[in-house]
């Protein structure tokens, strides 16, 4: 009997913007300095009430502590691995990491995206990962360039209308 093929996930980039790094650092600080001590105190108070096997506050608190500790370990390790990328003057006018890009599709709909690291992407707020196929299709393009993007619905032609970078 053959083993099923091992699932291979693409390696995630270690790039991050300064604001993305600051956000992860803020989350780590909050979890470690505020959330964890508060939950630890609640667990301690719940444990003092006696029977822990039927004590929902105690059981939930211990579960929440494990979640916090897991996230703290991840953030600590991840912050050591990432490289903060600052825009360079020679990047101006082309799409690279950190760029804010306005694109337009064939129907005239415009979309604004910022190319960010995998730890900070948030599609609802227009932040797309450098590792995403759409960001990869835009890389190196200039204003007035066009590119095709293939997805489940087919191919769509996009035009680059504007490219800006945040000041470092």
N, C-alpha and C. Protein backbone atom coordinates (compact mmCIF):
# COMPACT_ATOMS: atom_id res chain seq x y z
N UNK A 1 0.84 -1.18 0.00
CA UNK A 1 0.00 0.00 0.00
C UNK A 1 0.89 1.24 0.00
N UNK A 2 0.63 2.13 -0.94
CA UNK A 2 1.43 3.35 -1.06
C UNK A 2 0.92 4.43 -0.13
N UNK A 3 1.84 5.20 0.36
CA UNK A 3 1.47 6.36 1.18
C UNK A 3 0.97 7.46 0.26
N UNK A 4 0.01 8.25 0.74
CA UNK A 4 -0.40 9.39 -0.08
C UNK A 4 0.75 10.39 -0.17
N UNK A 5 0.82 11.12 -1.26
CA UNK A 5 1.93 12.08 -1.39
C UNK A 5 1.87 13.13 -0.28
N UNK A 6 3.03 13.49 0.19
CA UNK A 6 3.13 14.50 1.24
C UNK A 6 2.70 15.85 0.66
N UNK A 7 1.87 16.56 1.41
CA UNK A 7 1.42 17.86 0.94
C UNK A 7 2.56 18.86 1.09
N UNK A 8 2.85 19.55 0.03
CA UNK A 8 3.92 20.53 0.04
C UNK A 8 3.30 21.92 0.00
N UNK A 9 3.59 22.69 1.01
CA UNK A 9 3.09 24.05 1.06
C UNK A 9 4.19 25.00 0.62
N UNK A 10 3.84 26.02 -0.14
CA UNK A 10 4.87 26.95 -0.57
C UNK A 10 5.50 27.63 0.65
N UNK A 11 6.79 27.85 0.55
CA UNK A 11 7.50 28.52 1.64
C UNK A 11 7.00 29.96 1.72
N UNK A 12 6.77 30.42 2.92
CA UNK A 12 6.28 31.78 3.05
C UNK A 12 7.47 32.73 3.19
N UNK A 13 7.29 33.90 2.61
CA UNK A 13 8.34 34.91 2.63
C UNK A 13 8.58 35.40 4.05
N UNK A 14 9.78 35.86 4.28
CA UNK A 14 10.11 36.43 5.59
C UNK A 14 10.14 37.95 5.53
N UNK A 15 9.44 38.53 4.58
CA UNK A 15 9.40 39.98 4.44
C UNK A 15 8.24 40.55 5.24
N UNK A 16 8.43 41.75 5.75
CA UNK A 16 7.37 42.43 6.48
C UNK A 16 7.62 43.93 6.38
N UNK A 17 6.54 44.70 6.38
CA UNK A 17 6.69 46.16 6.40
C UNK A 17 6.95 46.60 7.83
N UNK A 18 7.42 47.82 7.99
CA UNK A 18 7.67 48.33 9.34
C UNK A 18 6.37 48.35 10.16
N UNK A 19 5.27 48.79 9.54
CA UNK A 19 4.00 48.84 10.27
C UNK A 19 3.52 47.43 10.62
N UNK A 20 3.76 46.46 9.75
CA UNK A 20 3.38 45.08 10.04
C UNK A 20 4.17 44.51 11.21
N UNK A 21 5.47 44.81 11.24
CA UNK A 21 6.32 44.37 12.35
C UNK A 21 5.85 44.98 13.66
N UNK A 22 5.56 46.28 13.62
CA UNK A 22 5.09 46.97 14.83
C UNK A 22 3.78 46.38 15.34
N UNK A 23 2.91 45.99 14.41
CA UNK A 23 1.62 45.41 14.78
C UNK A 23 1.81 44.05 15.47
N UNK A 24 2.69 43.20 14.93
CA UNK A 24 2.97 41.91 15.56
C UNK A 24 3.61 42.10 16.93
N UNK A 25 4.51 43.07 17.02
CA UNK A 25 5.16 43.36 18.30
C UNK A 25 4.14 43.84 19.34
N UNK A 26 3.20 44.68 18.90
CA UNK A 26 2.14 45.18 19.79
C UNK A 26 1.27 44.03 20.29
N UNK A 27 0.93 43.11 19.38
CA UNK A 27 0.12 41.95 19.78
C UNK A 27 0.86 41.09 20.80
N UNK A 28 2.15 40.85 20.57
CA UNK A 28 2.95 40.06 21.50
C UNK A 28 3.00 40.72 22.87
N UNK A 29 3.25 42.02 22.88
CA UNK A 29 3.33 42.76 24.14
C UNK A 29 1.99 42.71 24.89
N UNK A 30 0.87 42.90 24.15
CA UNK A 30 -0.45 42.84 24.78
C UNK A 30 -0.72 41.47 25.39
N UNK A 31 -0.46 40.41 24.61
CA UNK A 31 -0.71 39.06 25.12
C UNK A 31 0.12 38.76 26.36
N UNK A 32 1.38 39.15 26.34
CA UNK A 32 2.29 38.81 27.43
C UNK A 32 2.10 39.69 28.66
N UNK A 33 1.88 40.98 28.46
CA UNK A 33 1.82 41.92 29.58
C UNK A 33 0.41 42.14 30.14
N UNK A 34 -0.62 41.96 29.30
CA UNK A 34 -1.98 42.26 29.75
C UNK A 34 -2.88 41.04 29.78
N UNK A 35 -3.04 40.38 28.63
CA UNK A 35 -4.00 39.28 28.53
C UNK A 35 -3.61 38.08 29.39
N UNK A 36 -2.35 37.65 29.31
CA UNK A 36 -1.92 36.46 30.06
C UNK A 36 -2.03 36.68 31.57
N UNK A 37 -1.54 37.80 32.13
CA UNK A 37 -1.70 38.00 33.58
C UNK A 37 -3.18 38.04 34.01
N UNK A 38 -4.04 38.63 33.18
CA UNK A 38 -5.47 38.70 33.52
C UNK A 38 -6.08 37.30 33.55
N UNK A 39 -5.78 36.48 32.53
CA UNK A 39 -6.32 35.13 32.46
C UNK A 39 -5.74 34.26 33.58
N UNK A 40 -4.45 34.43 33.86
CA UNK A 40 -3.81 33.68 34.94
C UNK A 40 -4.49 33.97 36.27
N UNK A 41 -4.80 35.23 36.52
CA UNK A 41 -5.50 35.62 37.75
C UNK A 41 -6.89 34.99 37.79
N UNK A 42 -7.61 35.00 36.69
CA UNK A 42 -8.95 34.40 36.64
C UNK A 42 -8.89 32.89 36.89
N UNK A 43 -7.88 32.21 36.33
CA UNK A 43 -7.72 30.78 36.54
C UNK A 43 -7.41 30.50 38.01
N UNK A 44 -6.57 31.31 38.58
CA UNK A 44 -6.20 31.16 39.99
C UNK A 44 -7.43 31.31 40.89
N UNK A 45 -8.26 32.31 40.60
CA UNK A 45 -9.48 32.53 41.39
C UNK A 45 -10.46 31.38 41.20
N UNK A 46 -10.58 30.87 39.97
CA UNK A 46 -11.48 29.75 39.70
C UNK A 46 -10.99 28.48 40.39
N UNK A 47 -9.68 28.28 40.45
CA UNK A 47 -9.11 27.10 41.09
C UNK A 47 -9.37 27.12 42.60
N UNK A 48 -9.43 28.30 43.16
CA UNK A 48 -9.65 28.44 44.61
C UNK A 48 -11.07 28.06 45.00
N UNK A 49 -11.97 27.97 44.04
CA UNK A 49 -13.37 27.65 44.34
C UNK A 49 -13.60 26.17 44.62
N UNK A 50 -12.60 25.34 44.38
CA UNK A 50 -12.76 23.93 44.72
C UNK A 50 -12.71 23.03 43.51
N UNK A 51 -13.72 22.17 43.36
CA UNK A 51 -13.77 21.12 42.34
C UNK A 51 -13.49 21.68 40.94
N UNK A 52 -12.35 21.31 40.39
CA UNK A 52 -11.94 21.82 39.09
C UNK A 52 -12.56 21.06 37.93
N UNK A 53 -13.02 19.85 38.15
CA UNK A 53 -13.53 19.03 37.06
C UNK A 53 -14.83 19.57 36.47
N UNK A 54 -15.61 20.28 37.27
CA UNK A 54 -16.86 20.84 36.77
C UNK A 54 -16.86 22.36 36.81
N UNK A 55 -15.67 22.93 36.89
CA UNK A 55 -15.54 24.38 37.00
C UNK A 55 -15.27 24.96 35.61
N UNK A 56 -16.31 25.48 34.96
CA UNK A 56 -16.19 25.97 33.58
C UNK A 56 -15.18 27.11 33.46
N UNK A 57 -15.16 28.02 34.43
CA UNK A 57 -14.22 29.15 34.37
C UNK A 57 -12.78 28.64 34.40
N UNK A 58 -12.52 27.63 35.23
CA UNK A 58 -11.18 27.07 35.34
C UNK A 58 -10.79 26.38 34.03
N UNK A 59 -11.69 25.53 33.50
CA UNK A 59 -11.40 24.78 32.28
C UNK A 59 -11.19 25.73 31.10
N UNK A 60 -12.08 26.71 30.96
CA UNK A 60 -11.94 27.68 29.86
C UNK A 60 -10.64 28.49 30.03
N UNK A 61 -10.36 28.90 31.26
CA UNK A 61 -9.16 29.70 31.51
C UNK A 61 -7.88 28.96 31.16
N UNK A 62 -7.82 27.68 31.52
CA UNK A 62 -6.64 26.88 31.18
C UNK A 62 -6.50 26.74 29.66
N UNK A 63 -7.63 26.55 28.99
CA UNK A 63 -7.61 26.44 27.53
C UNK A 63 -7.12 27.76 26.93
N UNK A 64 -7.62 28.87 27.43
CA UNK A 64 -7.23 30.19 26.92
C UNK A 64 -5.74 30.43 27.17
N UNK A 65 -5.23 30.02 28.32
CA UNK A 65 -3.79 30.16 28.60
C UNK A 65 -2.95 29.39 27.59
N UNK A 66 -3.38 28.19 27.23
CA UNK A 66 -2.65 27.40 26.22
C UNK A 66 -2.65 28.13 24.88
N UNK A 67 -3.80 28.71 24.51
CA UNK A 67 -3.89 29.45 23.25
C UNK A 67 -2.96 30.66 23.26
N UNK A 68 -2.95 31.39 24.37
CA UNK A 68 -2.08 32.57 24.50
C UNK A 68 -0.63 32.15 24.41
N UNK A 69 -0.25 31.11 25.15
CA UNK A 69 1.15 30.66 25.14
C UNK A 69 1.57 30.20 23.74
N UNK A 70 0.68 29.53 23.03
CA UNK A 70 1.00 29.07 21.68
C UNK A 70 1.23 30.28 20.76
N UNK A 71 0.38 31.28 20.87
CA UNK A 71 0.51 32.48 20.03
C UNK A 71 1.76 33.27 20.41
N UNK A 72 2.07 33.36 21.70
CA UNK A 72 3.28 34.07 22.15
C UNK A 72 4.52 33.38 21.59
N UNK A 73 4.55 32.05 21.65
CA UNK A 73 5.70 31.31 21.09
C UNK A 73 5.84 31.58 19.59
N UNK A 74 4.71 31.52 18.87
CA UNK A 74 4.74 31.76 17.44
C UNK A 74 5.24 33.17 17.13
N UNK A 75 4.68 34.18 17.81
CA UNK A 75 5.07 35.57 17.53
C UNK A 75 6.53 35.81 17.86
N UNK A 76 7.00 35.28 18.98
CA UNK A 76 8.40 35.45 19.38
C UNK A 76 9.33 34.88 18.31
N UNK A 77 9.01 33.68 17.87
CA UNK A 77 9.83 33.02 16.85
C UNK A 77 9.74 33.77 15.51
N UNK A 78 8.54 34.16 15.14
CA UNK A 78 8.33 34.81 13.84
C UNK A 78 9.03 36.17 13.78
N UNK A 79 8.97 36.94 14.87
CA UNK A 79 9.62 38.26 14.89
C UNK A 79 11.13 38.14 14.74
N UNK A 80 11.69 37.00 15.14
CA UNK A 80 13.12 36.77 14.97
C UNK A 80 13.45 36.42 13.51
N UNK A 81 12.49 35.85 12.80
CA UNK A 81 12.73 35.38 11.43
C UNK A 81 12.51 36.43 10.35
N UNK A 82 11.62 37.37 10.59
CA UNK A 82 11.23 38.30 9.53
C UNK A 82 12.28 39.39 9.29
N UNK A 83 12.27 39.89 8.07
CA UNK A 83 13.15 41.00 7.68
C UNK A 83 12.27 42.19 7.32
N UNK A 84 12.50 43.30 7.99
CA UNK A 84 11.76 44.51 7.68
C UNK A 84 12.31 45.08 6.38
N UNK A 85 11.42 45.33 5.43
CA UNK A 85 11.83 45.85 4.13
C UNK A 85 11.38 47.31 4.03
N UNK A 86 12.35 48.16 3.79
CA UNK A 86 12.07 49.59 3.61
C UNK A 86 12.16 49.91 2.12
N UNK A 87 11.20 50.69 1.61
CA UNK A 87 11.26 51.04 0.18
C UNK A 87 12.53 51.81 -0.15
N UNK A 88 13.09 51.53 -1.33
CA UNK A 88 14.29 52.22 -1.79
C UNK A 88 13.90 53.21 -2.87
N UNK A 89 14.60 54.33 -2.97
CA UNK A 89 14.26 55.33 -3.99
C UNK A 89 14.24 54.77 -5.41
N UNK A 90 15.10 53.81 -5.70
CA UNK A 90 15.14 53.27 -7.07
C UNK A 90 13.92 52.40 -7.40
N UNK A 91 13.10 52.07 -6.40
CA UNK A 91 11.87 51.31 -6.63
C UNK A 91 10.74 52.18 -7.16
N UNK A 92 10.85 53.47 -7.00
CA UNK A 92 9.77 54.39 -7.39
C UNK A 92 9.32 54.12 -8.82
N UNK A 93 8.02 54.05 -8.99
CA UNK A 93 7.47 53.85 -10.33
C UNK A 93 7.28 52.41 -10.73
N UNK A 94 7.73 51.46 -9.90
CA UNK A 94 7.56 50.04 -10.19
C UNK A 94 6.94 49.34 -8.98
N UNK A 95 6.26 48.24 -9.24
CA UNK A 95 5.63 47.48 -8.17
C UNK A 95 6.64 46.52 -7.54
N UNK A 96 6.95 46.77 -6.28
CA UNK A 96 7.78 45.88 -5.48
C UNK A 96 7.14 45.77 -4.11
N UNK A 97 7.81 45.07 -3.21
CA UNK A 97 7.28 44.88 -1.86
C UNK A 97 6.98 46.24 -1.20
N UNK A 98 5.82 46.34 -0.58
CA UNK A 98 5.43 47.57 0.11
C UNK A 98 4.66 48.56 -0.75
N UNK A 99 4.61 48.32 -2.05
CA UNK A 99 3.94 49.26 -2.96
C UNK A 99 2.44 49.30 -2.70
N UNK A 100 1.88 50.49 -2.83
CA UNK A 100 0.43 50.67 -2.87
C UNK A 100 0.10 50.87 -4.35
N UNK A 101 -0.78 50.00 -4.84
CA UNK A 101 -1.04 49.96 -6.28
C UNK A 101 -2.53 50.13 -6.54
N UNK A 102 -2.83 51.01 -7.48
CA UNK A 102 -4.21 51.11 -7.96
C UNK A 102 -4.27 50.42 -9.30
N UNK A 103 -5.14 49.41 -9.40
CA UNK A 103 -5.31 48.67 -10.65
C UNK A 103 -6.74 48.85 -11.13
N UNK A 104 -6.90 48.68 -12.44
CA UNK A 104 -8.22 48.80 -13.06
C UNK A 104 -8.45 47.59 -13.94
N UNK A 105 -9.65 47.01 -13.84
CA UNK A 105 -9.95 45.86 -14.70
C UNK A 105 -10.56 46.33 -16.01
N UNK A 106 -10.90 45.39 -16.86
CA UNK A 106 -11.41 45.70 -18.20
C UNK A 106 -12.75 46.45 -18.18
N UNK A 107 -13.51 46.26 -17.11
CA UNK A 107 -14.81 46.94 -17.00
C UNK A 107 -14.69 48.35 -16.41
N UNK A 108 -13.49 48.74 -16.03
CA UNK A 108 -13.29 50.07 -15.46
C UNK A 108 -13.38 50.12 -13.94
N UNK A 109 -13.51 48.97 -13.29
CA UNK A 109 -13.53 48.92 -11.82
C UNK A 109 -12.10 49.10 -11.31
N UNK A 110 -11.94 49.96 -10.30
CA UNK A 110 -10.60 50.16 -9.74
C UNK A 110 -10.50 49.51 -8.37
N UNK A 111 -9.31 49.05 -8.07
CA UNK A 111 -9.01 48.38 -6.81
C UNK A 111 -7.68 48.90 -6.30
N UNK A 112 -7.58 49.05 -4.99
CA UNK A 112 -6.34 49.50 -4.37
C UNK A 112 -5.78 48.40 -3.48
N UNK A 113 -4.51 48.09 -3.68
CA UNK A 113 -3.85 47.05 -2.90
C UNK A 113 -2.49 47.54 -2.42
N UNK A 114 -2.06 46.97 -1.31
CA UNK A 114 -0.68 47.15 -0.88
C UNK A 114 -0.05 45.77 -0.83
N UNK A 115 1.13 45.63 -1.39
CA UNK A 115 1.85 44.35 -1.40
C UNK A 115 2.62 44.25 -0.09
N UNK A 116 2.22 43.29 0.76
CA UNK A 116 2.81 43.14 2.09
C UNK A 116 3.27 41.71 2.32
N UNK A 117 3.82 41.46 3.49
CA UNK A 117 4.28 40.12 3.84
C UNK A 117 3.12 39.21 4.24
N UNK A 118 3.37 37.90 4.28
CA UNK A 118 2.31 36.94 4.59
C UNK A 118 1.75 37.07 6.00
N UNK A 119 2.49 37.70 6.91
CA UNK A 119 2.02 37.85 8.28
C UNK A 119 1.07 39.03 8.44
N UNK A 120 0.94 39.86 7.44
CA UNK A 120 0.15 41.08 7.58
C UNK A 120 -0.94 41.24 6.54
N UNK A 121 -1.13 40.23 5.68
CA UNK A 121 -2.14 40.40 4.63
C UNK A 121 -3.54 40.48 5.23
N UNK A 122 -4.36 41.29 4.60
CA UNK A 122 -5.74 41.52 5.04
C UNK A 122 -6.50 42.00 3.80
N UNK A 123 -7.06 41.07 3.07
CA UNK A 123 -7.68 41.38 1.78
C UNK A 123 -8.80 42.42 1.93
N UNK A 124 -9.56 42.33 3.02
CA UNK A 124 -10.65 43.31 3.23
C UNK A 124 -10.13 44.74 3.27
N UNK A 125 -8.91 44.92 3.77
CA UNK A 125 -8.30 46.24 3.86
C UNK A 125 -7.30 46.50 2.73
N UNK A 126 -7.33 45.68 1.69
CA UNK A 126 -6.50 45.91 0.52
C UNK A 126 -5.05 45.52 0.67
N UNK A 127 -4.73 44.69 1.65
CA UNK A 127 -3.34 44.25 1.84
C UNK A 127 -3.24 42.82 1.32
N UNK A 128 -2.42 42.63 0.27
CA UNK A 128 -2.26 41.28 -0.30
C UNK A 128 -0.82 40.81 -0.11
N UNK A 129 -0.68 39.53 0.13
CA UNK A 129 0.63 38.94 0.38
C UNK A 129 1.49 38.92 -0.88
N UNK A 130 2.76 39.19 -0.69
CA UNK A 130 3.73 39.11 -1.79
C UNK A 130 3.74 37.70 -2.38
N UNK A 131 3.34 36.72 -1.59
CA UNK A 131 3.32 35.33 -2.04
C UNK A 131 2.07 34.98 -2.85
N UNK A 132 1.10 35.89 -2.91
CA UNK A 132 -0.14 35.60 -3.63
C UNK A 132 0.09 35.68 -5.14
N UNK A 133 -0.65 34.90 -5.90
CA UNK A 133 -0.50 34.93 -7.37
C UNK A 133 -0.77 36.33 -7.95
N UNK A 134 -1.73 37.06 -7.38
CA UNK A 134 -2.05 38.38 -7.92
C UNK A 134 -0.89 39.34 -7.71
N UNK A 135 -0.30 39.33 -6.52
CA UNK A 135 0.85 40.21 -6.25
C UNK A 135 2.02 39.83 -7.15
N UNK A 136 2.25 38.54 -7.32
CA UNK A 136 3.35 38.08 -8.18
C UNK A 136 3.15 38.55 -9.63
N UNK A 137 1.89 38.59 -10.07
CA UNK A 137 1.60 39.04 -11.44
C UNK A 137 1.91 40.53 -11.61
N UNK A 138 1.82 41.29 -10.52
CA UNK A 138 2.06 42.74 -10.59
C UNK A 138 3.53 43.13 -10.44
N UNK A 139 4.32 42.27 -9.80
CA UNK A 139 5.71 42.62 -9.49
C UNK A 139 6.48 43.08 -10.72
N UNK A 140 7.18 44.19 -10.55
CA UNK A 140 8.02 44.74 -11.62
C UNK A 140 7.29 45.59 -12.63
N UNK A 141 5.97 45.62 -12.55
CA UNK A 141 5.18 46.41 -13.51
C UNK A 141 5.26 47.89 -13.16
N UNK A 142 5.00 48.74 -14.17
CA UNK A 142 5.03 50.19 -14.02
C UNK A 142 3.64 50.76 -14.30
N UNK A 143 3.47 52.05 -14.02
CA UNK A 143 2.23 52.72 -14.34
C UNK A 143 1.98 52.59 -15.84
N UNK A 144 0.74 52.33 -16.21
CA UNK A 144 0.26 52.12 -17.58
C UNK A 144 0.59 50.74 -18.14
N UNK A 145 1.28 49.89 -17.36
CA UNK A 145 1.48 48.51 -17.80
C UNK A 145 0.19 47.74 -17.60
N UNK A 146 0.05 46.67 -18.34
CA UNK A 146 -1.09 45.79 -18.14
C UNK A 146 -0.58 44.39 -17.86
N UNK A 147 -1.40 43.61 -17.18
CA UNK A 147 -1.05 42.22 -16.90
C UNK A 147 -2.31 41.39 -16.85
N UNK A 148 -2.17 40.11 -17.22
CA UNK A 148 -3.29 39.18 -17.17
C UNK A 148 -3.20 38.39 -15.88
N UNK A 149 -4.36 38.18 -15.30
CA UNK A 149 -4.43 37.36 -14.10
C UNK A 149 -5.43 36.24 -14.33
N UNK A 150 -4.98 35.02 -14.13
CA UNK A 150 -5.84 33.85 -14.33
C UNK A 150 -6.36 33.38 -12.97
N UNK A 151 -7.68 33.21 -12.91
CA UNK A 151 -8.29 32.63 -11.71
C UNK A 151 -9.37 31.65 -12.13
N UNK A 152 -10.19 31.21 -11.20
CA UNK A 152 -11.21 30.20 -11.48
C UNK A 152 -12.21 30.66 -12.54
N UNK A 153 -12.48 31.97 -12.58
CA UNK A 153 -13.44 32.49 -13.56
C UNK A 153 -12.83 32.68 -14.94
N UNK A 154 -11.54 32.59 -15.06
CA UNK A 154 -10.87 32.79 -16.34
C UNK A 154 -9.77 33.83 -16.23
N UNK A 155 -9.47 34.47 -17.35
CA UNK A 155 -8.41 35.48 -17.38
C UNK A 155 -9.02 36.87 -17.36
N UNK A 156 -8.40 37.74 -16.59
CA UNK A 156 -8.82 39.14 -16.53
C UNK A 156 -7.61 40.01 -16.80
N UNK A 157 -7.81 41.05 -17.59
CA UNK A 157 -6.75 41.99 -17.90
C UNK A 157 -6.83 43.16 -16.92
N UNK A 158 -5.71 43.50 -16.31
CA UNK A 158 -5.64 44.62 -15.37
C UNK A 158 -4.64 45.65 -15.88
N UNK A 159 -4.89 46.91 -15.54
CA UNK A 159 -4.00 48.02 -15.88
C UNK A 159 -3.51 48.65 -14.59
N UNK A 160 -2.25 49.03 -14.54
CA UNK A 160 -1.68 49.70 -13.38
C UNK A 160 -1.93 51.20 -13.55
N UNK A 161 -2.70 51.80 -12.67
CA UNK A 161 -3.01 53.24 -12.74
C UNK A 161 -2.05 54.09 -11.92
N UNK A 162 -1.67 53.59 -10.73
CA UNK A 162 -0.81 54.39 -9.84
C UNK A 162 -0.02 53.46 -8.93
N UNK A 163 1.18 53.93 -8.57
CA UNK A 163 2.04 53.19 -7.63
C UNK A 163 2.63 54.20 -6.66
N UNK A 164 2.47 53.94 -5.37
CA UNK A 164 3.08 54.80 -4.35
C UNK A 164 3.70 53.92 -3.27
N UNK A 165 4.58 54.53 -2.52
CA UNK A 165 5.21 53.85 -1.38
C UNK A 165 5.06 54.74 -0.16
N UNK A 166 4.88 54.12 1.01
CA UNK A 166 4.84 54.89 2.26
C UNK A 166 6.23 55.42 2.55
N UNK A 167 6.28 56.60 3.14
CA UNK A 167 7.57 57.17 3.54
C UNK A 167 8.13 56.35 4.71
N UNK A 168 9.43 56.07 4.69
CA UNK A 168 10.02 55.26 5.77
C UNK A 168 10.32 56.09 6.98
